[in-house]
Protein backbone atom coordinates (compact mmCIF):
# COMPACT_ATOMS: atom_id res chain seq x y z
CA ASP A 1 56.47 -56.85 66.31
CA THR A 2 58.91 -55.62 63.69
CA MET A 3 56.57 -56.96 61.02
CA ARG A 4 53.72 -54.99 62.49
CA ARG A 5 55.84 -51.86 62.26
CA VAL A 6 56.53 -52.40 58.61
CA VAL A 7 52.90 -52.78 57.58
CA ARG A 8 50.82 -50.78 59.99
CA GLN A 9 47.19 -51.81 60.12
CA SER A 10 44.98 -48.90 59.16
CA LYS A 11 41.63 -48.74 57.42
CA PHE A 12 42.94 -45.68 55.56
CA ARG A 13 45.97 -47.37 54.03
CA HIS A 14 44.26 -47.78 50.69
CA VAL A 15 42.50 -44.42 50.45
CA PHE A 16 42.67 -43.31 46.84
CA GLY A 17 41.96 -40.00 45.14
CA GLN A 18 40.13 -39.56 41.87
CA ALA A 19 39.44 -36.43 39.85
CA VAL A 20 35.89 -36.15 38.54
CA LYS A 21 35.07 -36.25 34.82
CA ASN A 22 35.47 -33.07 32.81
CA ASP A 23 31.76 -32.27 32.68
CA GLN A 24 31.66 -32.20 36.50
CA CYS A 25 34.30 -29.48 36.73
CA TYR A 26 33.61 -25.75 36.86
CA ASP A 27 35.15 -24.30 33.72
CA ASP A 28 36.26 -20.93 32.38
CA ILE A 29 36.84 -19.28 35.75
CA ARG A 30 39.51 -16.61 36.03
CA VAL A 31 41.05 -17.63 39.35
CA SER A 32 42.61 -14.75 41.27
CA ARG A 33 46.29 -14.06 40.55
CA VAL A 34 46.94 -12.23 43.80
CA THR A 35 50.16 -13.36 45.45
CA TRP A 36 48.76 -14.42 48.79
CA ASP A 37 49.04 -17.81 50.47
CA SER A 38 45.38 -18.44 51.15
CA SER A 39 43.40 -21.27 49.59
CA PHE A 40 41.25 -18.95 47.36
CA CYS A 41 38.37 -21.41 47.61
CA ALA A 42 35.74 -22.31 50.23
CA VAL A 43 33.08 -24.99 49.97
CA ASN A 44 30.09 -26.28 51.91
CA PRO A 45 27.26 -28.75 51.14
CA ARG A 46 25.47 -26.14 48.99
CA PHE A 47 28.03 -23.87 47.31
CA VAL A 48 31.58 -23.54 46.08
CA ALA A 49 33.07 -20.04 46.38
CA ILE A 50 36.16 -19.03 44.42
CA ILE A 51 38.14 -15.77 44.53
CA VAL A 52 38.43 -14.47 40.97
CA ASP A 53 40.29 -11.74 39.12
CA ALA A 54 38.26 -8.56 39.08
CA SER A 55 39.19 -5.24 37.54
CA GLY A 56 38.82 -2.29 39.89
CA GLY A 57 38.00 -4.10 43.10
CA GLY A 58 37.69 -7.55 44.55
CA ALA A 59 35.21 -10.28 43.75
CA PHE A 60 34.44 -13.92 44.27
CA LEU A 61 32.14 -16.37 42.55
CA VAL A 62 29.55 -18.38 44.45
CA LEU A 63 28.26 -21.37 42.49
CA PRO A 64 25.65 -23.93 43.57
CA LEU A 65 27.48 -27.28 43.67
CA HIS A 66 25.40 -28.69 40.81
CA LYS A 67 26.23 -25.76 38.49
CA THR A 68 29.10 -27.54 36.74
CA GLY A 69 30.36 -27.02 33.20
CA ARG A 70 31.31 -23.74 31.58
CA ILE A 71 30.59 -20.66 33.70
CA ASP A 72 29.46 -17.70 31.64
CA LYS A 73 31.65 -14.58 31.74
CA SER A 74 28.62 -12.57 32.79
CA TYR A 75 27.83 -14.88 35.74
CA PRO A 76 27.08 -12.71 38.80
CA THR A 77 29.77 -12.27 41.47
CA VAL A 78 29.98 -11.01 45.03
CA CYS A 79 31.75 -7.73 44.41
CA GLY A 80 31.45 -5.16 47.18
CA HIS A 81 35.14 -4.84 48.10
CA THR A 82 37.19 -1.99 46.63
CA GLY A 83 40.42 -4.03 46.70
CA PRO A 84 41.28 -7.65 45.86
CA VAL A 85 39.72 -10.32 48.09
CA LEU A 86 42.39 -12.33 49.94
CA ASP A 87 40.43 -14.87 51.97
CA ILE A 88 36.89 -16.29 52.23
CA ASP A 89 35.27 -18.62 54.76
CA TRP A 90 31.77 -20.14 54.91
CA CYS A 91 29.97 -19.88 58.22
CA PRO A 92 29.83 -23.38 59.76
CA HIS A 93 26.34 -22.69 61.18
CA ASN A 94 24.67 -21.21 58.12
CA ASP A 95 25.40 -22.49 54.62
CA GLN A 96 24.26 -19.22 53.04
CA VAL A 97 26.58 -16.91 54.97
CA ILE A 98 30.17 -16.25 53.90
CA ALA A 99 32.83 -13.83 55.17
CA SER A 100 35.53 -12.19 53.05
CA GLY A 101 38.70 -10.27 53.93
CA SER A 102 40.25 -7.86 51.47
CA GLU A 103 43.12 -5.52 50.64
CA ASP A 104 40.67 -2.66 51.28
CA CYS A 105 41.18 -3.28 55.07
CA THR A 106 37.61 -4.44 55.64
CA VAL A 107 35.86 -7.70 56.41
CA MET A 108 32.45 -8.19 54.83
CA VAL A 109 29.79 -10.76 55.66
CA TRP A 110 27.38 -11.77 52.90
CA GLN A 111 24.08 -13.63 52.75
CA ILE A 112 23.79 -15.72 49.58
CA PRO A 113 20.24 -16.38 48.28
CA GLU A 114 19.10 -19.98 48.77
CA ASN A 115 19.43 -20.97 45.11
CA GLY A 116 22.56 -18.97 44.39
CA LEU A 117 23.06 -15.57 42.76
CA THR A 118 20.94 -14.30 39.92
CA LEU A 119 22.37 -10.77 40.14
CA SER A 120 25.76 -9.59 41.33
CA LEU A 121 25.82 -8.95 45.07
CA THR A 122 27.28 -5.59 46.11
CA GLU A 123 25.61 -5.07 49.49
CA PRO A 124 27.04 -7.09 52.38
CA VAL A 125 24.90 -7.77 55.45
CA VAL A 126 27.57 -6.07 57.51
CA VAL A 127 30.95 -4.39 56.98
CA LEU A 128 33.45 -4.90 59.80
CA GLU A 129 35.96 -2.06 59.98
CA GLY A 130 38.84 -2.07 62.42
CA HIS A 131 42.01 -3.14 60.61
CA SER A 132 44.43 -0.49 59.40
CA LYS A 133 46.04 -2.71 56.73
CA ARG A 134 44.82 -5.43 54.39
CA VAL A 135 42.93 -8.35 55.89
CA GLY A 136 44.38 -11.67 54.78
CA ILE A 137 42.67 -14.16 57.11
CA VAL A 138 39.04 -14.75 58.12
CA ALA A 139 37.96 -17.73 60.26
CA TRP A 140 34.58 -18.45 61.86
CA HIS A 141 34.36 -19.76 65.42
CA PRO A 142 33.67 -23.52 65.27
CA THR A 143 30.88 -23.67 67.89
CA ALA A 144 29.59 -20.17 68.73
CA ARG A 145 27.10 -18.46 66.43
CA ASN A 146 28.15 -15.25 64.65
CA VAL A 147 31.67 -15.10 66.10
CA LEU A 148 34.26 -14.30 63.43
CA LEU A 149 38.01 -13.82 63.65
CA SER A 150 40.03 -11.71 61.24
CA ALA A 151 43.77 -11.11 61.02
CA GLY A 152 45.43 -8.37 59.03
CA CYS A 153 48.81 -7.14 57.88
CA ASP A 154 48.64 -4.68 60.79
CA ASN A 155 49.60 -7.80 62.86
CA ALA A 156 46.30 -7.52 64.73
CA ILE A 157 43.68 -10.19 65.33
CA ILE A 158 40.12 -8.95 65.86
CA ILE A 159 37.23 -11.10 67.05
CA TRP A 160 33.83 -9.79 66.00
CA ASN A 161 30.26 -10.34 67.08
CA VAL A 162 28.77 -10.37 63.57
CA GLY A 163 25.24 -10.18 65.00
CA THR A 164 25.93 -6.66 66.31
CA GLY A 165 28.73 -5.66 63.93
CA GLU A 166 31.07 -4.95 66.86
CA ALA A 167 34.73 -5.75 67.45
CA LEU A 168 34.73 -7.31 70.91
CA ILE A 169 38.33 -8.49 71.23
CA ASN A 170 41.35 -6.82 69.67
CA LEU A 171 44.69 -8.64 70.00
CA ASP A 172 46.98 -6.03 68.51
CA ASP A 173 50.12 -6.35 70.64
CA MET A 174 50.89 -10.08 70.48
CA HIS A 175 52.49 -10.31 67.05
CA VAL A 176 55.48 -8.25 65.99
CA ASP A 177 55.48 -9.62 62.46
CA MET A 178 53.13 -10.86 59.78
CA ILE A 179 50.59 -13.51 60.81
CA TYR A 180 50.63 -16.43 58.36
CA ASN A 181 47.59 -18.27 59.66
CA VAL A 182 45.22 -18.63 62.60
CA SER A 183 43.44 -21.79 63.72
CA TRP A 184 40.70 -22.30 66.33
CA ASN A 185 40.82 -25.39 68.54
CA ARG A 186 37.89 -27.83 68.50
CA ASN A 187 35.68 -25.98 70.99
CA GLY A 188 36.94 -22.50 70.08
CA SER A 189 38.45 -21.71 73.50
CA LEU A 190 41.98 -21.16 72.12
CA ILE A 191 43.62 -20.10 68.87
CA CYS A 192 47.06 -20.89 67.54
CA THR A 193 48.96 -18.69 65.12
CA ALA A 194 52.01 -19.03 62.92
CA SER A 195 53.94 -15.85 62.27
CA LYS A 196 56.82 -14.54 60.20
CA ASP A 197 58.99 -14.29 63.32
CA LYS A 198 59.08 -18.16 63.19
CA LYS A 199 57.00 -18.42 66.36
CA VAL A 200 53.90 -20.50 66.95
CA ARG A 201 51.73 -18.97 69.66
CA VAL A 202 48.81 -20.47 71.54
CA ILE A 203 46.49 -17.65 72.66
CA ASP A 204 43.49 -17.48 74.96
CA PRO A 205 41.59 -14.75 73.12
CA ARG A 206 39.14 -13.91 75.91
CA LYS A 207 41.85 -13.53 78.56
CA GLN A 208 43.98 -11.85 75.87
CA GLU A 209 47.08 -13.78 76.91
CA ILE A 210 49.64 -16.06 75.29
CA VAL A 211 49.33 -19.50 76.88
CA ALA A 212 52.30 -21.12 75.10
CA GLU A 213 54.76 -20.26 72.39
CA LYS A 214 57.59 -21.88 70.51
CA GLU A 215 60.42 -19.97 68.85
CA LYS A 216 61.90 -21.27 65.61
CA THR A 217 59.18 -23.89 65.21
CA HIS A 218 60.74 -24.38 61.77
CA GLU A 219 64.13 -22.80 61.11
CA GLY A 220 63.50 -21.77 57.51
CA ALA A 221 62.40 -18.28 56.51
CA ARG A 222 59.49 -19.30 54.30
CA PRO A 223 55.86 -19.24 55.48
CA MET A 224 54.63 -21.71 58.11
CA ARG A 225 51.21 -23.03 59.01
CA ALA A 226 49.91 -24.21 62.39
CA ILE A 227 46.59 -25.93 63.08
CA PHE A 228 44.93 -27.44 66.13
CA LEU A 229 44.06 -31.13 66.08
CA ALA A 230 41.04 -32.64 67.84
CA ASP A 231 43.12 -33.85 70.80
CA GLY A 232 44.55 -30.39 71.44
CA ASN A 233 47.96 -31.01 69.87
CA ILE A 234 49.27 -28.70 67.17
CA PHE A 235 50.37 -29.70 63.68
CA THR A 236 52.75 -27.40 61.81
CA THR A 237 54.23 -27.21 58.32
CA GLY A 238 57.25 -25.11 57.44
CA PHE A 239 60.79 -25.18 56.08
CA SER A 240 64.14 -26.29 57.45
CA ARG A 241 67.23 -24.10 57.29
CA MET A 242 68.14 -25.94 54.09
CA SER A 243 64.71 -25.03 52.62
CA GLU A 244 63.37 -28.56 52.90
CA ARG A 245 59.67 -28.77 53.64
CA GLN A 246 58.90 -30.11 57.11
CA LEU A 247 55.91 -31.17 59.13
CA ALA A 248 55.83 -31.42 62.90
CA LEU A 249 53.54 -32.33 65.79
CA TRP A 250 53.61 -30.41 69.10
CA ASN A 251 52.08 -30.66 72.53
CA PRO A 252 51.15 -27.10 73.58
CA LYS A 253 51.67 -28.00 77.25
CA ASN A 254 55.35 -28.66 76.52
CA MET A 255 56.68 -27.09 73.35
CA GLU A 256 60.39 -27.63 74.02
CA GLU A 257 60.65 -30.54 71.58
CA PRO A 258 58.25 -31.69 68.87
CA ILE A 259 56.42 -35.00 69.35
CA ALA A 260 57.40 -35.76 65.75
CA LEU A 261 59.30 -33.94 63.00
CA HIS A 262 59.54 -35.15 59.40
CA GLU A 263 61.39 -33.75 56.42
CA MET A 264 59.55 -34.07 53.14
CA ASP A 265 61.12 -32.60 50.02
CA THR A 266 62.73 -29.45 48.65
CA SER A 267 59.95 -27.55 46.99
CA ASN A 268 59.17 -23.93 47.72
CA GLY A 269 55.36 -24.07 47.71
CA VAL A 270 53.73 -23.39 51.06
CA LEU A 271 52.03 -26.52 52.41
CA LEU A 272 48.38 -25.86 53.22
CA PRO A 273 47.13 -28.42 55.77
CA PHE A 274 43.50 -29.61 55.69
CA TYR A 275 42.45 -31.65 58.70
CA ASP A 276 39.60 -34.08 59.24
CA PRO A 277 39.00 -34.50 63.00
CA ASP A 278 36.72 -37.53 62.46
CA THR A 279 39.37 -39.72 60.81
CA ASN A 280 42.44 -37.87 62.14
CA ILE A 281 43.80 -37.56 58.63
CA ILE A 282 45.77 -34.51 57.48
CA TYR A 283 45.95 -33.66 53.79
CA LEU A 284 48.83 -31.45 52.65
CA CYS A 285 48.34 -29.42 49.47
CA GLY A 286 51.33 -27.40 48.36
CA LYS A 287 50.60 -24.21 46.45
CA GLY A 288 52.01 -24.79 42.98
CA ASP A 289 52.34 -28.56 43.60
CA SER A 290 50.35 -31.05 41.60
CA SER A 291 49.89 -33.51 44.45
CA ILE A 292 47.99 -33.99 47.71
CA ARG A 293 49.82 -36.01 50.37
CA TYR A 294 47.92 -37.45 53.27
CA PHE A 295 48.93 -38.67 56.72
CA GLU A 296 47.18 -40.32 59.63
CA ILE A 297 47.86 -39.01 63.13
CA THR A 298 47.85 -41.63 65.91
CA ASP A 299 49.00 -42.02 69.53
CA GLU A 300 51.82 -44.42 68.69
CA SER A 301 55.27 -43.70 67.29
CA PRO A 302 56.00 -42.25 64.72
CA TYR A 303 52.65 -40.44 65.41
CA VAL A 304 52.43 -39.01 61.88
CA HIS A 305 52.02 -41.91 59.44
CA TYR A 306 52.35 -41.33 55.71
CA LEU A 307 49.40 -42.91 53.88
CA ASN A 308 49.66 -41.99 50.23
CA THR A 309 49.91 -39.28 47.58
CA PHE A 310 47.35 -38.25 45.01
CA SER A 311 49.14 -36.88 41.93
CA SER A 312 47.90 -35.13 38.83
CA LYS A 313 49.51 -33.21 35.99
CA GLU A 314 48.33 -29.68 36.69
CA PRO A 315 49.68 -27.55 39.56
CA GLN A 316 47.11 -26.21 42.04
CA ARG A 317 46.47 -22.49 42.54
CA GLY A 318 44.30 -23.06 45.57
CA MET A 319 42.15 -25.67 47.25
CA GLY A 320 38.73 -25.99 48.88
CA PHE A 321 37.90 -28.72 51.44
CA MET A 322 34.34 -29.98 51.85
CA PRO A 323 32.97 -30.39 55.40
CA LYS A 324 32.09 -34.00 56.27
CA ARG A 325 28.32 -33.47 55.98
CA GLY A 326 28.73 -32.61 52.27
CA LEU A 327 30.21 -36.01 51.33
CA ASP A 328 28.57 -39.04 49.75
CA VAL A 329 28.57 -41.67 52.53
CA ASN A 330 27.15 -44.33 50.19
CA LYS A 331 30.36 -44.28 48.17
CA CYS A 332 32.71 -44.36 51.20
CA GLU A 333 33.90 -40.86 50.29
CA ILE A 334 35.98 -39.53 53.22
CA ALA A 335 37.17 -36.23 51.70
CA ARG A 336 36.48 -34.01 48.71
CA PHE A 337 38.79 -31.30 47.47
CA PHE A 338 38.07 -28.52 45.01
CA LYS A 339 41.32 -27.91 43.20
CA LEU A 340 41.81 -24.58 41.46
CA HIS A 341 43.67 -24.45 38.17
CA GLU A 342 44.30 -21.25 36.25
CA ARG A 343 40.93 -21.40 34.49
CA LYS A 344 38.90 -24.05 36.24
CA CYS A 345 37.96 -25.77 39.47
CA GLU A 346 38.21 -29.56 39.60
CA PRO A 347 36.67 -31.68 42.38
CA ILE A 348 38.85 -34.55 43.66
CA ILE A 349 37.22 -37.35 45.62
CA MET A 350 39.03 -39.43 48.27
CA THR A 351 37.55 -42.87 48.85
CA VAL A 352 38.14 -45.85 51.12
CA PRO A 353 37.65 -49.00 49.01
CA ARG A 354 34.96 -51.22 50.58
CA LYS A 355 32.98 -54.06 49.08
CA SER A 356 29.78 -53.51 51.04
CA ASP A 357 27.11 -50.98 50.10
CA LEU A 358 26.00 -50.62 53.72
CA PHE A 359 26.74 -47.52 55.81
CA GLN A 360 30.28 -47.86 57.20
CA ASP A 361 29.99 -46.50 60.71
CA ASP A 362 33.71 -46.90 61.42
CA LEU A 363 34.45 -44.41 58.61
CA TYR A 364 31.75 -41.97 59.67
CA PRO A 365 31.62 -41.33 63.41
CA ASP A 366 29.15 -38.58 64.35
CA THR A 367 30.43 -35.34 62.89
CA ALA A 368 30.03 -31.62 63.56
CA GLY A 369 26.56 -30.54 62.45
CA PRO A 370 25.33 -27.11 61.34
CA GLU A 371 23.81 -26.10 64.70
CA ALA A 372 25.79 -23.66 66.86
CA ALA A 373 26.40 -24.93 70.40
CA LEU A 374 26.60 -21.41 71.87
CA GLU A 375 25.36 -17.91 71.15
CA ALA A 376 28.02 -15.23 70.62
CA GLU A 377 27.23 -13.53 73.94
CA GLU A 378 27.66 -16.78 75.88
CA TRP A 379 31.09 -17.35 74.35
CA PHE A 380 32.23 -13.79 75.04
CA GLU A 381 31.07 -14.24 78.65
CA GLY A 382 33.41 -17.23 79.02
CA LYS A 383 31.38 -20.33 78.17
CA ASN A 384 32.82 -23.17 76.07
CA ALA A 385 31.04 -25.97 74.22
CA ASP A 386 32.09 -28.77 71.89
CA PRO A 387 30.52 -28.99 68.42
CA LEU A 388 27.01 -30.47 68.31
CA LEU A 389 27.40 -33.77 66.46
CA ILE A 390 25.06 -35.39 63.92
CA SER A 391 24.96 -38.89 62.44
CA LEU A 392 25.50 -39.28 58.69
CA LYS A 393 23.85 -42.72 58.63
CA HIS A 394 21.03 -41.55 56.35
CA GLY A 395 23.08 -38.88 54.60
CA TYR A 396 22.91 -35.18 55.45
CA ILE A 397 19.72 -33.31 54.63
CA PRO A 398 20.31 -29.55 54.76
CA GLY A 399 17.73 -27.76 56.90
CA LYS A 400 16.38 -24.26 56.39
CA ASN A 401 18.95 -21.61 57.24
CA ARG A 402 17.78 -18.60 59.18
CA ASP A 403 18.70 -15.21 57.76
CA LEU A 404 21.63 -13.42 59.31
CA LYS A 405 20.25 -10.35 61.06
CA VAL A 406 22.61 -7.66 62.27
CA VAL A 407 21.33 -5.47 65.08
CA LYS A 408 23.69 -2.51 65.32
CA LYS A 409 24.01 -1.31 68.89
CA ASN A 410 23.14 2.37 69.35
CA ILE A 411 26.41 4.00 70.38
CA LEU A 412 24.50 6.75 72.24
CA ASP A 413 22.91 4.20 74.59
CA ASN A 414 25.92 3.26 76.64
CA LYS A 415 23.79 1.61 79.28
CA PRO A 416 24.89 -1.61 81.01
CA ALA A 417 24.00 -4.69 78.97
CA ALA A 418 20.51 -6.13 79.37
CA ASN A 419 20.85 -9.46 81.13
CA LYS A 420 17.72 -9.84 83.25
CA LYS A 421 14.71 -11.50 81.66
CA SER A 422 12.49 -8.45 82.13
CA ASP A 423 15.11 -6.30 80.41
CA LEU A 424 15.28 -8.72 77.51
CA ILE A 425 11.50 -8.54 77.04
CA SER A 426 11.49 -4.77 77.17
CA ALA A 427 14.57 -4.50 74.93
CA PRO A 428 12.63 -4.59 71.62
CA LYS A 429 10.21 -1.99 73.04
CA LYS A 430 13.12 0.20 74.12
CA ALA A 431 14.70 -0.21 70.70
CA ALA A 432 11.40 0.82 69.07
CA ASP A 433 11.12 3.84 71.39
CA ALA A 434 14.70 4.80 70.66
CA SER A 435 14.16 4.58 66.92
CA ASN A 436 10.93 6.62 67.24
CA THR A 437 12.69 9.41 69.12
CA GLN A 438 15.51 9.25 66.57
CA ASN A 439 12.98 9.59 63.73
CA GLU A 440 11.25 12.53 65.42
CA ALA A 441 14.58 14.28 65.92
CA LYS A 442 15.39 13.74 62.23
CA LEU A 443 11.99 15.16 61.18
CA ASP A 444 12.54 18.27 63.31
CA GLU A 445 15.94 18.75 61.71
CA ILE A 446 14.51 18.43 58.19
CA LEU A 447 11.66 20.89 58.96
CA LYS A 448 14.13 23.42 60.39
CA GLU A 449 16.30 23.08 57.30
CA LEU A 450 13.26 23.55 55.02
CA LYS A 451 12.26 26.70 56.92
CA SER A 452 15.75 28.19 56.65
CA ILE A 453 15.82 27.42 52.89
CA LYS A 454 12.41 29.11 52.46
CA ASP A 455 13.66 32.18 54.39
CA THR A 456 16.75 32.35 52.20
CA ILE A 457 14.62 32.17 49.04
CA THR A 458 12.32 34.98 50.29
CA ASN A 459 15.37 37.15 51.09
CA GLN A 460 16.91 36.47 47.68
CA ASP A 461 13.57 37.29 45.97
CA GLU A 462 13.43 40.69 47.72
CA ARG A 463 17.05 41.37 46.81
CA ILE A 464 16.47 40.50 43.15
CA SER A 465 13.41 42.78 42.84
CA LYS A 466 15.37 45.68 44.46
CA LEU A 467 18.24 45.14 42.00
CA GLU A 468 15.77 45.07 39.09
CA GLN A 469 14.29 48.39 40.25
CA GLN A 470 17.78 49.93 40.45
CA MET A 471 18.60 48.64 36.92
CA ALA A 472 15.38 50.20 35.59
CA LYS A 473 16.31 53.58 37.17
CA ILE A 474 19.80 53.47 35.61
CA ALA A 475 18.33 52.61 32.19
CA ASP A 476 15.95 55.61 32.39
């Protein structure tokens, strides 16, 4: 038994990381220098998005994955924000839709053309306004379509229905201090947050109540992170009182004591956790570190098992983490990171060494696919659903994404919501009628204005001719 403890059997014991060759990196990118602890990078099976330095506003690059090599200075950006962009997140149900939060207090949602940008994009599909200070966190709901969460330095969390552009839930009295991060659980029924007051809170957003909280999760004053795991437990990173970096595992049903608590090292970079629910591996990337450490979470003591460390020479400014469906299953790739340097983005591939070329189904259980399990309205009404899973046996073939359409609700029509089938059928007709009456009203207004301008001109004409007559008399 003691032997078994020493060498724990795990298929992930020999996972190794490898940086790609130079020509497969994205070069000559001015990565943002904003002092903010977000990852500055978001990736999906089609695109890599990177927050960049932009004079007079905020911008990020969106590159098709295959567009490696040197990126031209004039390459188009997404640049509609008036202040620096602090966080970006790809929609899990549409690989062409990305959300961004900025110092300008707004959240914007963008639709990227299928083959990437040919011109800079300045017009978002929708602007979400509701925060009174800068917005540092954006996170899409994992299973409901068009539900987006944002958290700002006003200590408020807002949950939006992107399809209507409305803020439907506003949690503005739960945090007394800055929110460091927010994480959805697997089915999106709960969120957990880490805050500057050293508390981790578990919140039911629809009931707008705190379900559990833990004070002094980590004693140190530096930023913490808290994320939900697939089994409902919470994994946190933070600092001890002696400024040593720590990681811990908690059961939200009893947060008195951690399930596990490990001290790591004394470095001051915030540890950003990236979690893979399929393999139960957590990767820790410290900002300013040059390594990625990874751990396997299991049900047996010590619960958090150190696997290995990937080290390189250059420190990382930020990090993107590819969803499972974007990986190469033929090469036993179980994770891919996009590491940001000062001037480039370097993919790093994590592989399980296997001799066989066949599909390894123990490495690739069915994973979350791109289909939403719920519509936004269903989630807001109280329904929950787990992610819809897909098999990666024959690789992932991206389907056609539908365009994000935003139907702004007419604020004047404060009628009860249409729920009955007959109402739903007549809704488009009603909308058309409403827009017709609106158009007619506008036309009337314009005609009235034209008439009044004409009257004014006639009056002025008369006045001018009278004045001319008087001038003539004086001259005589």
